[in-house]
Amino acid sequence: MAESVTHEFVELFIGHYSLPMAERDFNQEIAALGATLTSIESVLDLPRLEKEKSELEEKAGAPDLWNDPESAQKVTSALSRVQGTINKVTGLRTRISDLPIMLELANSEDDASAKSEVERELDALTSAIAELEVQTLLSGEYDHRDALVTIRSEAGGVDAADWAEMVSRMYFRYCERHEYGVNVLETSYAEEAGIKSTTFRVTGSYAYGTLSVEQGTHRLVRISPFDSQNRRHTSFAGVEVVPVVDQSDHIDIDEKDIRVDVYRSSGPGGQGVNTTDSAVRITHIPTGIVVSCQNERSQIQNRATAMAVLQSKLLEKRNQEERAKLDALRGDSGGSWGNQIRSYVLHPYQMVKDHRTDFETGNTQAVLDGDLDGFIAAGIRWRREKK
């Protein structure tokens, strides 16, 4: 229900957005906003959220809460997430209620600047409500968690290494726009330019559910800055997204199944970051999964962080195997995360297109600067429809 109402509203809004202000029907748009938010409130079930909030507040207020730090962290994280959702919805409802008053004052005084303020607020609310509506589609078991993102250069040589660094910058900018925290755990730099790989943790509400649709191979077509003959090159970068593990996930790792190597952290051009062999690389022998961490100052801290990353990757591997069994029973021919999902063309024309959803834009620079909202929203809808 929420999805269909929002679709109708977005079509209505787009139809008016390019019109001169005097030709927009503000009252109609405000009414559509209110209807959309009402639908979202129904999907989120605010009474249920308020009850959940009260229960979590009671648990958080228990005097012995921190006797079990892991359980306490789980309670406080859940409470923060529920409070954030409730505050966001109630805040948007208040802003919508204020719009008719703002519009009436602007019309009565025939104040052009006040009318422009109404228009800006209406557009800002439209964007915020559309984003919240997409969040209601994130109902997976791990969608609310933080995300571990790994970006690797694939085919394309030095261009691919440069492209992998561009992709990582694109996601850093996206996270900045949405006030997600980013903690880079490890980066392996290429010899000439760019990176071989990087892994970073994204912290924020529904970070995994949001970014998981970005998993796949990203293809770049451009005139290579590394080709003296200015020829067009195609290069590839792989993006892997896994949820951060929780203690309740029970991913047991036998010490006999891992090999731990320590080495000296390094930056671009081989520059040493630390003066001791504090970086840690862990190889999970049964699966061949390799993880590294070099951002902490001590070997013990890097080992603990690398183990957490390994647990997340093993959890995702287990989930993929379970999904593969279900897909086999259903006859599902869906591909793996390594399939090409999006093309970024910088020459001979400008276009970014998602091959799953057909969502595209000609503003390539904005996308590379982190404007991924349209692609991510379309990806989340596509995934829901596929399910």
Protein backbone atom coordinates (compact mmCIF):
# COMPACT_ATOMS: atom_id res chain seq x y z
CA MET A 1 0.00 0.00 0.00
CA ALA A 2 2.77 2.42 0.98
CA GLU A 3 4.64 1.68 -2.20
CA SER A 4 1.72 2.38 -4.54
CA VAL A 5 0.77 5.61 -2.78
CA THR A 6 4.34 6.86 -2.95
CA HIS A 7 4.64 5.98 -6.62
CA GLU A 8 1.55 8.04 -7.39
CA PHE A 9 2.84 10.91 -5.29
CA VAL A 10 6.30 10.87 -6.87
CA GLU A 11 4.77 10.95 -10.34
CA LEU A 12 2.61 13.89 -9.24
CA PHE A 13 5.60 15.69 -7.75
CA ILE A 14 7.83 15.16 -10.78
CA GLY A 15 5.08 16.48 -12.99
CA HIS A 16 4.99 19.75 -11.02
CA TYR A 17 8.66 20.08 -10.12
CA SER A 18 9.70 21.59 -13.44
CA LEU A 19 6.77 24.05 -13.52
CA PRO A 20 6.99 27.70 -12.46
CA MET A 21 6.09 28.13 -8.80
CA ALA A 22 2.78 29.87 -9.54
CA GLU A 23 1.60 26.86 -11.57
CA ARG A 24 2.26 24.27 -8.85
CA ASP A 25 -0.73 23.13 -6.83
CA PHE A 26 0.80 23.27 -3.36
CA ASN A 27 -2.34 22.09 -1.58
CA GLN A 28 -2.54 19.01 -3.77
CA GLU A 29 1.14 18.19 -3.17
CA ILE A 30 0.78 18.68 0.60
CA ALA A 31 -2.24 16.37 0.62
CA ALA A 32 -0.28 13.74 -1.33
CA LEU A 33 2.59 14.03 1.16
CA GLY A 34 0.21 13.50 4.06
CA ALA A 35 -1.35 10.44 2.43
CA THR A 36 2.06 8.95 1.75
CA LEU A 37 3.21 9.44 5.33
CA THR A 38 -0.04 7.96 6.65
CA SER A 39 0.61 4.86 4.57
CA ILE A 40 4.17 4.63 5.89
CA GLU A 41 2.94 5.03 9.48
CA SER A 42 0.58 2.11 8.89
CA VAL A 43 3.36 -0.09 7.52
CA LEU A 44 5.73 0.79 10.37
CA ASP A 45 2.92 0.23 12.92
CA LEU A 46 3.69 3.15 15.23
CA PRO A 47 1.74 1.72 18.23
CA ARG A 48 3.90 -1.41 18.02
CA LEU A 49 7.07 0.72 17.84
CA GLU A 50 5.96 2.77 20.86
CA LYS A 51 5.35 -0.43 22.83
CA GLU A 52 8.74 -1.80 21.76
CA LYS A 53 10.35 1.48 22.79
CA SER A 54 8.80 1.30 26.28
CA GLU A 55 9.98 -2.30 26.74
CA LEU A 56 13.51 -1.44 25.63
CA GLU A 57 13.62 1.65 27.86
CA GLU A 58 12.67 -0.55 30.80
CA LYS A 59 15.48 -2.97 29.97
CA ALA A 60 17.95 -0.12 29.42
CA GLY A 61 17.08 1.27 32.85
CA ALA A 62 17.84 -1.96 34.68
CA PRO A 63 20.65 -1.45 37.26
CA ASP A 64 22.40 -4.68 36.23
CA LEU A 65 22.22 -3.96 32.49
CA TRP A 66 25.97 -3.61 31.97
CA ASN A 67 26.79 -6.78 33.89
CA ASP A 68 26.48 -8.35 30.44
CA PRO A 69 28.07 -5.79 28.04
CA GLU A 70 27.14 -7.70 24.89
CA SER A 71 23.46 -7.89 25.86
CA ALA A 72 23.54 -4.24 26.98
CA GLN A 73 24.95 -3.15 23.65
CA LYS A 74 22.21 -5.05 21.86
CA VAL A 75 19.49 -3.39 23.97
CA THR A 76 20.87 0.14 23.58
CA SER A 77 21.36 -0.30 19.82
CA ALA A 78 17.80 -1.55 19.38
CA LEU A 79 16.46 1.31 21.51
CA SER A 80 18.41 3.88 19.49
CA ARG A 81 17.08 2.42 16.24
CA VAL A 82 13.44 2.41 17.40
CA GLN A 83 13.69 5.91 18.85
CA GLY A 84 15.26 7.16 15.63
CA THR A 85 12.43 5.75 13.51
CA ILE A 86 9.71 7.18 15.77
CA ASN A 87 11.38 10.59 15.95
CA LYS A 88 11.81 10.69 12.17
CA VAL A 89 8.15 9.88 11.50
CA THR A 90 6.78 12.29 14.12
CA GLY A 91 9.12 15.01 12.94
CA LEU A 92 7.97 14.63 9.35
CA ARG A 93 4.31 14.68 10.47
CA THR A 94 4.90 17.96 12.31
CA ARG A 95 6.59 19.51 9.29
CA ILE A 96 3.70 18.48 7.02
CA SER A 97 1.21 19.97 9.49
CA ASP A 98 3.14 23.25 9.41
CA LEU A 99 3.11 23.54 5.61
CA PRO A 100 -0.52 24.76 5.16
CA ILE A 101 0.12 27.49 7.75
CA MET A 102 3.31 28.56 5.97
CA LEU A 103 1.47 28.59 2.64
CA GLU A 104 -1.47 30.58 4.02
CA LEU A 105 0.84 33.25 5.47
CA ALA A 106 2.81 33.46 2.22
CA ASN A 107 -0.37 33.88 0.16
CA SER A 108 -1.97 36.41 2.51
CA GLU A 109 1.13 38.61 2.46
CA ASP A 110 1.86 37.88 -1.22
CA ASP A 111 5.47 37.32 -0.15
CA ALA A 112 7.58 35.77 -2.94
CA SER A 113 10.43 34.81 -0.58
CA ALA A 114 7.96 33.11 1.79
CA LYS A 115 6.48 31.18 -1.12
CA SER A 116 9.97 30.10 -2.16
CA GLU A 117 10.53 28.86 1.40
CA VAL A 118 7.32 26.80 1.17
CA GLU A 119 8.54 25.32 -2.11
CA ARG A 120 11.95 24.42 -0.64
CA GLU A 121 10.35 22.79 2.40
CA LEU A 122 7.91 20.87 0.23
CA ASP A 123 10.73 19.54 -1.94
CA ALA A 124 12.83 18.63 1.11
CA LEU A 125 9.90 16.76 2.67
CA THR A 126 9.25 14.90 -0.55
CA SER A 127 12.83 13.65 -0.59
CA ALA A 128 12.81 12.71 3.11
CA ILE A 129 9.51 10.83 2.90
CA ALA A 130 10.57 8.96 -0.23
CA GLU A 131 13.73 7.86 1.59
CA LEU A 132 11.70 6.73 4.62
CA GLU A 133 9.29 4.82 2.39
CA VAL A 134 12.20 2.91 0.87
CA GLN A 135 13.39 2.05 4.40
CA THR A 136 10.04 0.34 5.07
CA LEU A 137 11.00 -2.18 2.37
CA LEU A 138 14.07 -3.22 4.38
CA SER A 139 12.70 -6.09 6.42
CA GLY A 140 15.49 -8.65 6.04
CA GLU A 141 16.99 -10.36 9.09
CA TYR A 142 20.21 -8.34 8.93
CA ASP A 143 19.03 -5.19 7.13
CA HIS A 144 19.19 -2.98 10.24
CA ARG A 145 22.84 -3.77 10.91
CA ASP A 146 26.08 -2.01 10.07
CA ALA A 147 27.76 -3.07 6.82
CA LEU A 148 31.22 -4.27 5.88
CA VAL A 149 32.05 -3.15 2.35
CA THR A 150 34.96 -4.55 0.35
CA ILE A 151 35.96 -3.08 -3.02
CA ARG A 152 38.40 -4.88 -5.30
CA SER A 153 39.95 -3.97 -8.61
CA GLU A 154 39.14 -6.61 -11.23
CA ALA A 155 39.94 -6.80 -14.97
CA GLY A 156 41.55 -3.73 -16.49
CA GLY A 157 45.04 -3.36 -15.06
CA VAL A 158 46.02 0.06 -13.75
CA ASP A 159 42.69 1.52 -14.93
CA ALA A 160 40.85 -1.02 -12.78
CA ALA A 161 42.94 -0.09 -9.73
CA ASP A 162 42.18 3.58 -10.33
CA TRP A 163 38.50 2.74 -10.84
CA ALA A 164 38.38 0.79 -7.57
CA GLU A 165 39.66 3.88 -5.75
CA MET A 166 37.04 6.03 -7.53
CA VAL A 167 34.31 3.60 -6.42
CA SER A 168 35.49 3.72 -2.82
CA ARG A 169 35.46 7.53 -2.94
CA MET A 170 31.92 7.39 -4.39
CA TYR A 171 30.70 5.37 -1.39
CA PHE A 172 32.57 7.57 1.09
CA ARG A 173 30.76 10.59 -0.37
CA TYR A 174 27.43 8.75 -0.25
CA CYS A 175 28.00 7.97 3.44
CA GLU A 176 28.88 11.60 4.14
CA ARG A 177 25.59 12.69 2.54
CA HIS A 178 23.63 10.34 4.78
CA GLU A 179 25.70 10.88 7.93
CA TYR A 180 26.86 7.27 8.06
CA GLY A 181 30.08 6.61 9.95
CA VAL A 182 32.94 5.10 7.94
CA ASN A 183 35.92 3.25 9.43
CA VAL A 184 38.52 2.01 6.94
CA LEU A 185 39.89 -1.31 8.17
CA GLU A 186 42.42 -2.13 5.47
CA THR A 187 43.61 -0.82 2.12
CA SER A 188 45.99 -2.49 -0.31
CA TYR A 189 47.47 0.08 -2.71
CA ALA A 190 48.38 -0.70 -6.32
CA GLU A 191 51.91 -0.01 -7.54
CA GLU A 192 51.21 2.62 -10.19
CA ALA A 193 47.90 4.18 -9.14
CA GLY A 194 44.69 3.37 -7.28
CA ILE A 195 44.06 0.41 -4.99
CA LYS A 196 43.97 -3.34 -5.22
CA SER A 197 41.32 -3.53 -2.50
CA THR A 198 39.86 -1.82 0.55
CA THR A 199 37.52 -2.87 3.34
CA PHE A 200 35.57 -0.42 5.47
CA ARG A 201 32.78 -0.55 8.02
CA VAL A 202 29.70 1.63 7.49
CA THR A 203 27.86 2.50 10.71
CA GLY A 204 24.30 3.74 10.67
CA SER A 205 20.66 2.69 10.78
CA TYR A 206 19.91 0.10 8.07
CA ALA A 207 23.40 0.50 6.58
CA TYR A 208 23.55 -3.13 5.45
CA GLY A 209 20.04 -3.27 4.01
CA THR A 210 20.64 -0.05 2.11
CA LEU A 211 24.09 -0.83 0.70
CA SER A 212 23.55 -4.54 0.07
CA VAL A 213 21.90 -3.77 -3.29
CA GLU A 214 25.23 -2.27 -4.41
CA GLN A 215 26.89 -5.68 -4.32
CA GLY A 216 28.19 -6.74 -7.71
CA THR A 217 30.58 -5.73 -10.48
CA HIS A 218 30.71 -2.08 -11.55
CA ARG A 219 31.96 -1.37 -15.10
CA LEU A 220 33.68 1.83 -16.25
CA VAL A 221 34.14 2.97 -19.86
CA ARG A 222 36.35 6.03 -20.40
CA ILE A 223 39.39 7.48 -22.15
CA SER A 224 42.21 6.10 -20.04
CA PRO A 225 44.36 8.74 -18.32
CA PHE A 226 47.11 6.13 -18.29
CA ASP A 227 47.12 5.54 -22.08
CA SER A 228 49.49 7.83 -24.00
CA GLN A 229 47.40 7.24 -27.14
CA ASN A 230 44.19 8.37 -25.43
CA ARG A 231 42.32 5.19 -26.22
CA ARG A 232 39.04 4.11 -24.66
CA HIS A 233 39.37 1.48 -21.93
CA THR A 234 36.91 -0.69 -20.02
CA SER A 235 37.69 -1.62 -16.42
CA PHE A 236 35.89 -3.37 -13.60
CA ALA A 237 35.60 -3.11 -9.81
CA GLY A 238 33.87 -5.63 -7.55
CA VAL A 239 31.79 -4.54 -4.55
CA GLU A 240 31.03 -6.98 -1.74
CA VAL A 241 28.69 -6.04 1.13
CA VAL A 242 28.13 -8.20 4.23
CA PRO A 243 26.37 -7.49 7.55
CA VAL A 244 28.39 -6.97 10.72
CA VAL A 245 28.02 -10.05 12.89
CA ASP A 246 26.23 -10.11 16.21
CA GLN A 247 27.22 -12.35 19.12
CA SER A 248 23.92 -14.21 18.66
CA ASP A 249 24.96 -15.33 15.17
CA HIS A 250 27.15 -18.11 16.63
CA ILE A 251 29.88 -18.16 14.00
CA ASP A 252 32.44 -20.42 15.68
CA ILE A 253 35.95 -20.33 14.27
CA ASP A 254 38.39 -23.06 15.27
CA GLU A 255 41.89 -21.70 15.86
CA LYS A 256 43.24 -24.69 13.94
CA ASP A 257 41.36 -23.49 10.86
CA ILE A 258 43.08 -20.11 10.62
CA ARG A 259 46.55 -18.88 9.72
CA VAL A 260 47.58 -15.51 11.17
CA ASP A 261 50.31 -13.45 9.50
CA VAL A 262 51.64 -10.14 10.79
CA TYR A 263 53.32 -7.48 8.69
CA ARG A 264 54.14 -3.80 8.67
CA SER A 265 51.32 -1.47 7.69
CA SER A 266 51.97 0.59 4.59
CA GLY A 267 50.42 3.49 2.75
CA PRO A 268 50.63 4.71 -0.86
CA GLY A 269 54.00 4.09 -2.45
CA GLY A 270 55.06 1.70 0.32
CA GLN A 271 55.23 4.42 2.97
CA GLY A 272 55.16 2.91 6.45
CA VAL A 273 52.19 3.83 8.60
CA ASN A 274 53.37 2.16 11.81
CA THR A 275 56.91 1.41 12.85
CA THR A 276 56.06 -2.09 14.11
CA ASP A 277 54.65 -5.23 12.51
CA SER A 278 51.12 -4.46 13.76
CA ALA A 279 49.03 -5.24 10.65
CA VAL A 280 47.29 -8.62 10.70
CA ARG A 281 46.20 -10.92 7.89
CA ILE A 282 44.01 -13.92 8.72
CA THR A 283 43.42 -16.80 6.30
CA HIS A 284 40.49 -19.13 6.95
CA ILE A 285 41.96 -22.36 5.59
CA PRO A 286 38.73 -24.37 4.94
CA THR A 287 37.15 -21.61 2.82
CA GLY A 288 40.19 -19.70 1.58
CA ILE A 289 38.73 -16.40 2.85
CA VAL A 290 41.45 -13.86 3.61
CA VAL A 291 40.90 -10.71 5.70
CA SER A 292 43.29 -8.00 6.84
CA CYS A 293 43.32 -5.06 9.22
CA GLN A 294 45.93 -2.35 9.62
CA ASN A 295 44.04 0.67 10.95
CA GLU A 296 44.55 -0.02 14.67
CA ARG A 297 47.76 0.85 16.52
CA SER A 298 48.38 -2.55 18.05
CA GLN A 299 48.59 -6.08 16.72
CA ILE A 300 46.04 -7.27 19.30
CA GLN A 301 43.46 -4.68 18.19
CA ASN A 302 44.05 -5.45 14.50
CA ARG A 303 43.65 -9.17 15.16
CA ALA A 304 40.36 -8.65 17.00
CA THR A 305 38.99 -6.44 14.19
CA ALA A 306 40.16 -8.88 11.50
CA MET A 307 38.43 -11.75 13.33
CA ALA A 308 35.20 -9.76 13.41
CA VAL A 309 35.47 -9.17 9.65
CA LEU A 310 36.13 -12.89 9.10
CA GLN A 311 33.04 -13.77 11.14
CA SER A 312 30.93 -11.43 9.00
CA LYS A 313 32.20 -12.98 5.79
CA LEU A 314 31.62 -16.50 7.10
CA LEU A 315 28.09 -15.51 8.13
CA GLU A 316 27.40 -14.20 4.63
CA LYS A 317 28.87 -17.36 3.10
CA ARG A 318 26.58 -19.47 5.25
CA ASN A 319 23.59 -17.35 4.22
CA GLN A 320 24.55 -17.60 0.55
CA GLU A 321 24.75 -21.39 0.81
CA GLU A 322 21.32 -21.49 2.43
CA ARG A 323 19.90 -19.22 -0.29
CA ALA A 324 21.52 -21.38 -2.98
CA LYS A 325 19.74 -24.45 -1.61
CA LEU A 326 16.40 -22.64 -1.69
CA ASP A 327 17.13 -21.30 -5.19
CA ALA A 328 17.90 -24.81 -6.39
CA LEU A 329 14.58 -26.05 -5.01
CA ARG A 330 12.79 -23.14 -6.72
CA GLY A 331 14.74 -23.52 -9.94
CA ASP A 332 16.05 -19.95 -9.42
CA SER A 333 18.81 -19.10 -11.89
CA GLY A 334 19.89 -15.92 -10.08
CA GLY A 335 23.61 -15.18 -10.37
CA SER A 336 26.25 -14.54 -7.77
CA TRP A 337 27.43 -11.23 -6.36
CA GLY A 338 30.13 -11.06 -9.03
CA ASN A 339 27.65 -10.35 -11.83
CA GLN A 340 27.84 -7.00 -13.58
CA ILE A 341 25.16 -4.72 -12.14
CA ARG A 342 25.98 -1.22 -13.38
CA SER A 343 27.83 0.60 -16.16
CA TYR A 344 29.42 4.03 -15.87
CA VAL A 345 30.13 5.46 -19.33
CA LEU A 346 32.24 8.63 -19.54
CA HIS A 347 33.07 8.39 -23.25
CA PRO A 348 31.80 8.74 -25.99
CA TYR A 349 28.71 9.88 -24.02
CA GLN A 350 27.84 10.38 -20.34
CA MET A 351 25.58 7.80 -18.70
CA VAL A 352 25.29 5.61 -15.62
CA LYS A 353 22.84 2.72 -15.96
CA ASP A 354 21.83 -0.10 -13.63
CA HIS A 355 21.30 -3.30 -15.63
CA ARG A 356 18.86 -4.81 -13.12
CA THR A 357 16.43 -1.92 -12.75
CA ASP A 358 17.16 0.08 -15.94
CA PHE A 359 17.47 3.18 -13.73
CA GLU A 360 19.87 5.60 -15.42
CA THR A 361 21.13 9.17 -15.40
CA GLY A 362 23.32 11.35 -17.59
CA ASN A 363 24.79 13.21 -14.62
CA THR A 364 27.80 10.96 -14.16
CA GLN A 365 29.76 13.41 -12.03
CA ALA A 366 26.97 13.62 -9.45
CA VAL A 367 26.90 9.81 -9.20
CA LEU A 368 30.66 9.63 -8.74
CA ASP A 369 30.29 12.28 -6.05
CA GLY A 370 27.97 9.96 -4.10
CA ASP A 371 24.50 10.78 -5.47
CA LEU A 372 23.31 7.16 -5.41
CA ASP A 373 19.85 7.60 -3.88
CA GLY A 374 17.94 6.89 -7.08
CA PHE A 375 19.97 3.77 -7.87
CA ILE A 376 19.71 2.40 -4.32
CA ALA A 377 15.96 3.06 -4.06
CA ALA A 378 15.37 1.38 -7.43
CA GLY A 379 17.57 -1.53 -6.36
CA ILE A 380 15.67 -2.05 -3.11
CA ARG A 381 12.33 -2.03 -4.97
CA TRP A 382 13.72 -4.44 -7.58
CA ARG A 383 14.89 -6.82 -4.88
CA ARG A 384 11.52 -6.71 -3.11
CA GLU A 385 9.66 -7.39 -6.37
CA LYS A 386 12.02 -10.27 -7.17
CA LYS A 387 11.33 -11.85 -3.78
